[in-house]
C-alpha atoms as a PDB file:
ATOM      1  CA  UNK A   1     -36.500  46.241 -82.176  1.00  0.00           C
ATOM      2  CA  UNK A   2     -32.822  47.206 -82.640  1.00  0.00           C
ATOM      3  CA  UNK A   3     -31.776  47.820 -85.750  1.00  0.00           C
ATOM      4  CA  UNK A   4     -28.857  45.330 -86.895  1.00  0.00           C
ATOM      5  CA  UNK A   5     -25.619  45.793 -87.995  1.00  0.00           C
ATOM      6  CA  UNK A   6     -24.092  43.978 -90.460  1.00  0.00           C
ATOM      7  CA  UNK A   7     -21.655  41.253 -89.068  1.00  0.00           C
ATOM      8  CA  UNK A   8     -17.943  42.290 -88.885  1.00  0.00           C
ATOM      9  CA  UNK A   9     -19.377  46.142 -89.031  1.00  0.00           C
ATOM     10  CA  UNK A  10     -18.726  48.317 -86.234  1.00  0.00           C
ATOM     11  CA  UNK A  11     -21.453  50.229 -84.702  1.00  0.00           C
ATOM     12  CA  UNK A  12     -21.679  53.798 -85.365  1.00  0.00           C
ATOM     13  CA  UNK A  13     -23.417  56.283 -83.161  1.00  0.00           C
ATOM     14  CA  UNK A  14     -26.681  56.718 -84.987  1.00  0.00           C
ATOM     15  CA  UNK A  15     -27.117  52.391 -84.967  1.00  0.00           C
ATOM     16  CA  UNK A  16     -26.304  52.654 -81.349  1.00  0.00           C
ATOM     17  CA  UNK A  17     -28.664  55.275 -80.192  1.00  0.00           C
ATOM     18  CA  UNK A  18     -31.496  53.711 -82.435  1.00  0.00           C
ATOM     19  CA  UNK A  19     -30.640  50.433 -80.984  1.00  0.00           C
ATOM     20  CA  UNK A  20     -31.382  52.053 -77.052  1.00  0.00           C
ATOM     21  CA  UNK A  21     -34.511  53.754 -78.327  1.00  0.00           C
ATOM     22  CA  UNK A  22     -36.277  51.079 -79.851  1.00  0.00           C
ATOM     23  CA  UNK A  23     -35.366  48.699 -76.978  1.00  0.00           C
ATOM     24  CA  UNK A  24     -36.629  51.499 -74.443  1.00  0.00           C
ATOM     25  CA  UNK A  25     -39.560  51.946 -76.341  1.00  0.00           C
ATOM     26  CA  UNK A  26     -40.540  48.468 -76.147  1.00  0.00           C
ATOM     27  CA  UNK A  27     -40.091  48.158 -72.550  1.00  0.00           C
ATOM     28  CA  UNK A  28     -42.564  50.499 -71.930  1.00  0.00           C
ATOM     29  CA  UNK A  29     -45.150  48.782 -74.085  1.00  0.00           C
ATOM     30  CA  UNK A  30     -47.651  46.389 -72.525  1.00  0.00           C
ATOM     31  CA  UNK A  31     -45.990  42.789 -71.289  1.00  0.00           C
ATOM     32  CA  UNK A  32     -48.624  40.900 -73.548  1.00  0.00           C
ATOM     33  CA  UNK A  33     -47.116  37.282 -74.000  1.00  0.00           C
ATOM     34  CA  UNK A  34     -44.691  38.568 -77.218  1.00  0.00           C
ATOM     35  CA  UNK A  35     -43.404  41.463 -75.475  1.00  0.00           C
ATOM     36  CA  UNK A  36     -42.731  39.226 -72.238  1.00  0.00           C
ATOM     37  CA  UNK A  37     -40.788  36.509 -74.469  1.00  0.00           C
ATOM     38  CA  UNK A  38     -38.626  39.263 -75.744  1.00  0.00           C
ATOM     39  CA  UNK A  39     -37.966  40.830 -71.985  1.00  0.00           C
ATOM     40  CA  UNK A  40     -37.291  37.367 -70.753  1.00  0.00           C
ATOM     41  CA  UNK A  41     -35.014  35.978 -73.514  1.00  0.00           C
ATOM     42  CA  UNK A  42     -32.568  39.269 -72.465  1.00  0.00           C
ATOM     43  CA  UNK A  43     -30.338  39.286 -75.557  1.00  0.00           C
ATOM     44  CA  UNK A  44     -31.570  42.972 -75.722  1.00  0.00           C
ATOM     45  CA  UNK A  45     -29.569  43.727 -72.473  1.00  0.00           C
ATOM     46  CA  UNK A  46     -26.199  42.967 -74.472  1.00  0.00           C
ATOM     47  CA  UNK A  47     -27.274  45.360 -77.145  1.00  0.00           C
ATOM     48  CA  UNK A  48     -28.060  48.234 -74.339  1.00  0.00           C
ATOM     49  CA  UNK A  49     -24.411  47.509 -73.146  1.00  0.00           C
ATOM     50  CA  UNK A  50     -22.789  47.684 -76.481  1.00  0.00           C
ATOM     51  CA  UNK A  51     -24.737  50.616 -77.463  1.00  0.00           C
ATOM     52  CA  UNK A  52     -24.239  52.571 -74.570  1.00  0.00           C
ATOM     53  CA  UNK A  53     -20.338  51.437 -74.318  1.00  0.00           C
ATOM     54  CA  UNK A  54     -19.671  52.910 -77.653  1.00  0.00           C
ATOM     55  CA  UNK A  55     -22.423  56.398 -76.020  1.00  0.00           C
ATOM     56  CA  UNK A  56     -20.543  57.158 -72.952  1.00  0.00           C
ATOM     57  CA  UNK A  57     -17.573  56.320 -71.184  1.00  0.00           C
ATOM     58  CA  UNK A  58     -19.218  56.406 -67.966  1.00  0.00           C
ATOM     59  CA  UNK A  59     -20.064  53.168 -66.574  1.00  0.00           C
ATOM     60  CA  UNK A  60     -23.802  52.422 -66.395  1.00  0.00           C
ATOM     61  CA  UNK A  61     -23.166  48.667 -65.833  1.00  0.00           C
ATOM     62  CA  UNK A  62     -25.108  49.716 -62.375  1.00  0.00           C
ATOM     63  CA  UNK A  63     -28.188  49.907 -64.397  1.00  0.00           C
ATOM     64  CA  UNK A  64     -28.079  46.652 -66.565  1.00  0.00           C
ATOM     65  CA  UNK A  65     -26.720  44.441 -63.988  1.00  0.00           C
ATOM     66  CA  UNK A  66     -30.491  44.201 -62.077  1.00  0.00           C
ATOM     67  CA  UNK A  67     -32.050  43.641 -65.351  1.00  0.00           C
ATOM     68  CA  UNK A  68     -30.056  40.107 -65.485  1.00  0.00           C
ATOM     69  CA  UNK A  69     -30.764  40.080 -61.706  1.00  0.00           C
ATOM     70  CA  UNK A  70     -34.477  40.678 -62.309  1.00  0.00           C
ATOM     71  CA  UNK A  71     -34.444  37.966 -65.980  1.00  0.00           C
ATOM     72  CA  UNK A  72     -33.300  35.147 -63.553  1.00  0.00           C
ATOM     73  CA  UNK A  73     -36.147  34.230 -61.453  1.00  0.00           C
ATOM     74  CA  UNK A  74     -38.775  32.016 -62.495  1.00  0.00           C
ATOM     75  CA  UNK A  75     -40.486  32.599 -65.929  1.00  0.00           C
ATOM     76  CA  UNK A  76     -43.710  32.691 -64.465  1.00  0.00           C
ATOM     77  CA  UNK A  77     -43.112  34.871 -61.712  1.00  0.00           C
ATOM     78  CA  UNK A  78     -41.359  37.254 -64.221  1.00  0.00           C
ATOM     79  CA  UNK A  79     -44.416  37.501 -66.506  1.00  0.00           C
ATOM     80  CA  UNK A  80     -46.889  37.920 -63.703  1.00  0.00           C
ATOM     81  CA  UNK A  81     -44.567  40.353 -62.418  1.00  0.00           C
ATOM     82  CA  UNK A  82     -44.344  42.650 -65.278  1.00  0.00           C
ATOM     83  CA  UNK A  83     -47.869  42.361 -66.256  1.00  0.00           C
ATOM     84  CA  UNK A  84     -49.184  43.335 -62.820  1.00  0.00           C
ATOM     85  CA  UNK A  85     -46.826  46.459 -62.668  1.00  0.00           C
ATOM     86  CA  UNK A  86     -47.189  47.518 -65.675  1.00  0.00           C
ATOM     87  CA  UNK A  87     -50.927  47.903 -65.077  1.00  0.00           C
ATOM     88  CA  UNK A  88     -50.575  49.471 -62.155  1.00  0.00           C
ATOM     89  CA  UNK A  89     -47.930  51.896 -63.150  1.00  0.00           C
ATOM     90  CA  UNK A  90     -49.328  53.097 -66.491  1.00  0.00           C
ATOM     91  CA  UNK A  91     -53.174  51.973 -66.808  1.00  0.00           C
ATOM     92  CA  UNK A  92     -55.196  51.597 -63.591  1.00  0.00           C
ATOM     93  CA  UNK A  93     -53.244  52.102 -60.431  1.00  0.00           C
ATOM     94  CA  UNK A  94     -55.895  52.473 -57.529  1.00  0.00           C
ATOM     95  CA  UNK A  95     -56.721  55.332 -56.119  1.00  0.00           C
ATOM     96  CA  UNK A  96     -55.241  56.438 -59.042  1.00  0.00           C
ATOM     97  CA  UNK A  97     -52.550  55.970 -62.689  1.00  0.00           C
ATOM     98  CA  UNK A  98     -49.410  56.119 -60.781  1.00  0.00           C
ATOM     99  CA  UNK A  99     -46.983  57.071 -63.597  1.00  0.00           C
ATOM    100  CA  UNK A 100     -49.324  58.018 -66.344  1.00  0.00           C
ATOM    101  CA  UNK A 101     -47.079  57.337 -69.703  1.00  0.00           C
ATOM    102  CA  UNK A 102     -48.837  60.043 -71.765  1.00  0.00           C
ATOM    103  CA  UNK A 103     -47.427  63.544 -72.268  1.00  0.00           C
ATOM    104  CA  UNK A 104     -50.272  65.800 -72.547  1.00  0.00           C
ATOM    105  CA  UNK A 105     -51.282  64.813 -68.930  1.00  0.00           C
ATOM    106  CA  UNK A 106     -47.589  66.418 -67.860  1.00  0.00           C
ATOM    107  CA  UNK A 107     -47.416  69.380 -69.992  1.00  0.00           C
ATOM    108  CA  UNK A 108     -51.500  70.492 -70.564  1.00  0.00           C
ATOM    109  CA  UNK A 109     -52.555  72.783 -67.640  1.00  0.00           C
ATOM    110  CA  UNK A 110     -55.745  70.642 -66.662  1.00  0.00           C
ATOM    111  CA  UNK A 111     -53.731  67.877 -67.030  1.00  0.00           C
ATOM    112  CA  UNK A 112     -55.866  65.758 -68.727  1.00  0.00           C
ATOM    113  CA  UNK A 113     -55.197  62.626 -71.795  1.00  0.00           C
ATOM    114  CA  UNK A 114     -55.581  63.998 -75.135  1.00  0.00           C
ATOM    115  CA  UNK A 115     -54.918  67.363 -74.751  1.00  0.00           C
ATOM    116  CA  UNK A 116     -53.561  70.298 -76.947  1.00  0.00           C
ATOM    117  CA  UNK A 117     -49.961  68.228 -76.684  1.00  0.00           C
ATOM    118  CA  UNK A 118     -51.279  65.209 -78.199  1.00  0.00           C
ATOM    119  CA  UNK A 119     -52.392  67.112 -81.576  1.00  0.00           C
ATOM    120  CA  UNK A 120     -49.411  69.147 -81.484  1.00  0.00           C
ATOM    121  CA  UNK A 121     -47.151  65.862 -81.618  1.00  0.00           C
ATOM    122  CA  UNK A 122     -49.270  63.903 -83.972  1.00  0.00           C
ATOM    123  CA  UNK A 123     -48.658  66.955 -86.275  1.00  0.00           C
ATOM    124  CA  UNK A 124     -44.651  66.647 -85.359  1.00  0.00           C
ATOM    125  CA  UNK A 125     -45.100  62.847 -87.088  1.00  0.00           C
ATOM    126  CA  UNK A 126     -47.311  64.104 -89.932  1.00  0.00           C
ATOM    127  CA  UNK A 127     -44.667  66.945 -91.059  1.00  0.00           C
ATOM    128  CA  UNK A 128     -41.872  64.949 -90.605  1.00  0.00           C
ATOM    129  CA  UNK A 129     -43.266  62.218 -93.112  1.00  0.00           C
ATOM    130  CA  UNK A 130     -44.572  59.451 -90.979  1.00  0.00           C
ATOM    131  CA  UNK A 131     -48.325  58.316 -90.522  1.00  0.00           C
ATOM    132  CA  UNK A 132     -49.832  56.211 -87.530  1.00  0.00           C
ATOM    133  CA  UNK A 133     -50.996  52.434 -87.875  1.00  0.00           C
ATOM    134  CA  UNK A 134     -54.715  52.798 -88.378  1.00  0.00           C
ATOM    135  CA  UNK A 135     -55.333  50.100 -85.754  1.00  0.00           C
ATOM    136  CA  UNK A 136     -53.276  51.824 -83.336  1.00  0.00           C
ATOM    137  CA  UNK A 137     -55.389  51.626 -79.973  1.00  0.00           C
ATOM    138  CA  UNK A 138     -53.139  53.962 -77.826  1.00  0.00           C
ATOM    139  CA  UNK A 139     -52.707  57.894 -78.104  1.00  0.00           C
ATOM    140  CA  UNK A 140     -49.573  59.160 -79.387  1.00  0.00           C
ATOM    141  CA  UNK A 141     -48.276  61.218 -77.039  1.00  0.00           C
ATOM    142  CA  UNK A 142     -47.203  57.720 -74.832  1.00  0.00           C
ATOM    143  CA  UNK A 143     -43.843  57.147 -74.082  1.00  0.00           C
ATOM    144  CA  UNK A 144     -43.173  54.097 -76.193  1.00  0.00           C
ATOM    145  CA  UNK A 145     -44.627  56.095 -79.122  1.00  0.00           C
ATOM    146  CA  UNK A 146     -42.418  58.707 -78.790  1.00  0.00           C
ATOM    147  CA  UNK A 147     -39.164  56.705 -78.431  1.00  0.00           C
ATOM    148  CA  UNK A 148     -40.112  54.645 -81.126  1.00  0.00           C
ATOM    149  CA  UNK A 149     -39.978  57.775 -82.962  1.00  0.00           C
ATOM    150  CA  UNK A 150     -36.666  58.709 -82.025  1.00  0.00           C
ATOM    151  CA  UNK A 151     -35.687  55.204 -83.058  1.00  0.00           C
ATOM    152  CA  UNK A 152     -37.041  55.945 -86.432  1.00  0.00           C
ATOM    153  CA  UNK A 153     -35.113  58.859 -87.000  1.00  0.00           C
ATOM    154  CA  UNK A 154     -31.505  57.477 -85.427  1.00  0.00           C
ATOM    155  CA  UNK A 155     -32.240  54.845 -87.660  1.00  0.00           C
ATOM    156  CA  UNK A 156     -32.492  56.446 -90.635  1.00  0.00           C
ATOM    157  CA  UNK A 157     -29.738  59.094 -89.772  1.00  0.00           C
ATOM    158  CA  UNK A 158     -27.680  55.824 -89.754  1.00  0.00           C
ATOM    159  CA  UNK A 159     -28.333  55.450 -93.327  1.00  0.00           C
ATOM    160  CA  UNK A 160     -27.981  59.005 -94.316  1.00  0.00           C
ATOM    161  CA  UNK A 161     -24.648  61.796 -94.450  1.00  0.00           C
ATOM    162  CA  UNK A 162     -23.949  65.158 -95.084  1.00  0.00           C
ATOM    163  CA  UNK A 163     -26.874  67.636 -95.300  1.00  0.00           C
ATOM    164  CA  UNK A 164     -29.488  64.713 -95.025  1.00  0.00           C
ATOM    165  CA  UNK A 165     -27.856  63.710 -91.832  1.00  0.00           C
ATOM    166  CA  UNK A 166     -27.974  67.409 -90.368  1.00  0.00           C
ATOM    167  CA  UNK A 167     -31.635  67.887 -91.103  1.00  0.00           C
ATOM    168  CA  UNK A 168     -32.480  64.450 -89.568  1.00  0.00           C
ATOM    169  CA  UNK A 169     -30.399  65.839 -86.155  1.00  0.00           C
ATOM    170  CA  UNK A 170     -32.355  69.245 -86.234  1.00  0.00           C
ATOM    171  CA  UNK A 171     -35.486  67.228 -86.033  1.00  0.00           C
ATOM    172  CA  UNK A 172     -34.433  64.821 -83.405  1.00  0.00           C
ATOM    173  CA  UNK A 173     -33.340  67.964 -81.615  1.00  0.00           C
ATOM    174  CA  UNK A 174     -36.734  69.619 -82.221  1.00  0.00           C
ATOM    175  CA  UNK A 175     -38.862  66.813 -81.124  1.00  0.00           C
ATOM    176  CA  UNK A 176     -36.632  65.896 -77.934  1.00  0.00           C
ATOM    177  CA  UNK A 177     -36.874  69.294 -76.500  1.00  0.00           C
ATOM    178  CA  UNK A 178     -40.478  69.964 -77.291  1.00  0.00           C
ATOM    179  CA  UNK A 179     -42.046  66.756 -76.435  1.00  0.00           C
ATOM    180  CA  UNK A 180     -39.798  64.335 -74.614  1.00  0.00           C
ATOM    181  CA  UNK A 181     -37.606  66.496 -72.095  1.00  0.00           C
ATOM    182  CA  UNK A 182     -40.667  68.473 -70.746  1.00  0.00           C
ATOM    183  CA  UNK A 183     -41.842  65.815 -68.961  1.00  0.00           C
ATOM    184  CA  UNK A 184     -40.237  62.103 -69.751  1.00  0.00           C
ATOM    185  CA  UNK A 185     -37.753  62.541 -66.943  1.00  0.00           C
ATOM    186  CA  UNK A 186     -40.772  63.696 -64.453  1.00  0.00           C
ATOM    187  CA  UNK A 187     -42.113  59.895 -65.547  1.00  0.00           C
ATOM    188  CA  UNK A 188     -39.143  58.835 -64.586  1.00  0.00           C
ATOM    189  CA  UNK A 189     -39.025  60.091 -61.567  1.00  0.00           C
ATOM    190  CA  UNK A 190     -42.316  58.781 -60.789  1.00  0.00           C
ATOM    191  CA  UNK A 191     -41.837  55.323 -61.768  1.00  0.00           C
ATOM    192  CA  UNK A 192     -38.274  55.125 -59.630  1.00  0.00           C
ATOM    193  CA  UNK A 193     -39.980  56.340 -56.552  1.00  0.00           C
ATOM    194  CA  UNK A 194     -43.371  54.236 -57.047  1.00  0.00           C
ATOM    195  CA  UNK A 195     -42.172  51.015 -58.582  1.00  0.00           C
ATOM    196  CA  UNK A 196     -42.637  47.782 -56.667  1.00  0.00           C
ATOM    197  CA  UNK A 197     -41.115  45.770 -59.730  1.00  0.00           C
ATOM    198  CA  UNK A 198     -37.475  45.965 -59.993  1.00  0.00           C
ATOM    199  CA  UNK A 199     -37.612  45.729 -63.620  1.00  0.00           C
ATOM    200  CA  UNK A 200     -39.317  48.906 -63.747  1.00  0.00           C
ATOM    201  CA  UNK A 201     -37.529  50.586 -61.263  1.00  0.00           C
ATOM    202  CA  UNK A 202     -34.210  50.757 -63.166  1.00  0.00           C
ATOM    203  CA  UNK A 203     -36.134  51.092 -66.731  1.00  0.00           C
ATOM    204  CA  UNK A 204     -36.789  54.200 -65.110  1.00  0.00           C
ATOM    205  CA  UNK A 205     -33.375  55.132 -64.040  1.00  0.00           C
ATOM    206  CA  UNK A 206     -32.258  53.693 -67.422  1.00  0.00           C
ATOM    207  CA  UNK A 207     -34.291  56.121 -69.538  1.00  0.00           C
ATOM    208  CA  UNK A 208     -33.713  59.370 -67.937  1.00  0.00           C
ATOM    209  CA  UNK A 209     -29.965  58.720 -67.998  1.00  0.00           C
ATOM    210  CA  UNK A 210     -29.876  57.746 -71.957  1.00  0.00           C
ATOM    211  CA  UNK A 211     -32.650  61.074 -72.108  1.00  0.00           C
ATOM    212  CA  UNK A 212     -29.809  62.927 -70.335  1.00  0.00           C
ATOM    213  CA  UNK A 213     -26.959  61.714 -72.631  1.00  0.00           C
ATOM    214  CA  UNK A 214     -29.280  62.722 -75.677  1.00  0.00           C
ATOM    215  CA  UNK A 215     -29.724  66.333 -74.633  1.00  0.00           C
ATOM    216  CA  UNK A 216     -25.833  66.560 -74.276  1.00  0.00           C
ATOM    217  CA  UNK A 217     -25.379  64.804 -77.668  1.00  0.00           C
ATOM    218  CA  UNK A 218     -27.558  66.952 -79.618  1.00  0.00           C
ATOM    219  CA  UNK A 219     -26.634  70.258 -77.879  1.00  0.00           C
ATOM    220  CA  UNK A 220     -29.914  71.168 -76.231  1.00  0.00           C
ATOM    221  CA  UNK A 221     -29.965  74.189 -73.829  1.00  0.00           C
ATOM    222  CA  UNK A 222     -30.663  73.895 -70.148  1.00  0.00           C
ATOM    223  CA  UNK A 223     -33.486  75.879 -71.208  1.00  0.00           C
ATOM    224  CA  UNK A 224     -36.050  73.793 -73.094  1.00  0.00           C
ATOM    225  CA  UNK A 225     -39.024  75.853 -74.460  1.00  0.00           C
ATOM    226  CA  UNK A 226     -41.950  73.144 -75.231  1.00  0.00           C
ATOM    227  CA  UNK A 227     -43.945  76.504 -76.313  1.00  0.00           C
ATOM    228  CA  UNK A 228     -41.984  76.699 -79.232  1.00  0.00           C
ATOM    229  CA  UNK A 229     -43.426  76.517 -82.726  1.00  0.00           C
ATOM    230  CA  UNK A 230     -43.801  73.153 -83.120  1.00  0.00           C
ATOM    231  CA  UNK A 231     -42.745  72.394 -86.693  1.00  0.00           C
ATOM    232  CA  UNK A 232     -39.600  69.690 -87.503  1.00  0.00           C
ATOM    233  CA  UNK A 233     -38.807  71.579 -90.826  1.00  0.00           C
ATOM    234  CA  UNK A 234     -40.265  72.765 -93.720  1.00  0.00           C
ATOM    235  CA  UNK A 235     -39.427  69.822 -95.721  1.00  0.00           C
ATOM    236  CA  UNK A 236     -40.112  66.251 -95.927  1.00  0.00           C
ATOM    237  CA  UNK A 237     -37.589  64.280 -94.529  1.00  0.00           C
ATOM    238  CA  UNK A 238     -38.416  60.865 -95.697  1.00  0.00           C
ATOM    239  CA  UNK A 239     -41.158  58.396 -94.717  1.00  0.00           C
ATOM    240  CA  UNK A 240     -40.707  55.721 -91.900  1.00  0.00           C
ATOM    241  CA  UNK A 241     -42.609  52.358 -90.202  1.00  0.00           C
ATOM    242  CA  UNK A 242     -45.977  53.550 -88.962  1.00  0.00           C
ATOM    243  CA  UNK A 243     -45.691  54.183 -85.227  1.00  0.00           C
ATOM    244  CA  UNK A 244     -46.186  51.100 -83.365  1.00  0.00           C
ATOM    245  CA  UNK A 245     -49.137  49.657 -81.685  1.00  0.00           C
ATOM    246  CA  UNK A 246     -48.527  50.125 -77.969  1.00  0.00           C
ATOM    247  CA  UNK A 247     -50.603  46.957 -77.038  1.00  0.00           C
END
């Protein structure tokens, strides 16, 4: 979930970025009863709107209004739509999964789940000082986990300054350039093109635009090299929560 700033305290860029990452991460988890209730409650839309208002002068309202319209329908229909479309897009679409949510499928020559990239993502988590939950039921290169990891880093950044803040930004830049930029925009394209649900179609749009904002904010050049040495830094930057269970 998004990090709450103290009442009366102005949200800063780090908190805003953390909020968007955490909300996007949760939107890419399976919409079970708990997640579906959170989505339908709709408070997250206002949090995203506030955060994006701080992060960009551009008008991203067009990406949020469709969410409000979608959530104005009957709760039973919304719940069914979310579960059915999530399954079709990300788990077991026929004749093939429409938009596989794993980085290895896009980054490995063979296009298989649990490739070398999966191990590299896991190693990056460990070298940055994080561990996975023992009951994790999904792979570490699932988009929900990668976005959550960025949310943890930006949340830590919100509580630091000076050298530590710079170190955390370097870790974010490395992870985004190695493990998110090379494939997440492709995933978003698939979602936008093939989704039958306005929720996931607009989620793909929002994710793609936010990742583009992040690329510019962190100063990542156009030529991203996913094969560079995957080492966040030589020293540990801190310990966060275990990566969330995706289902």
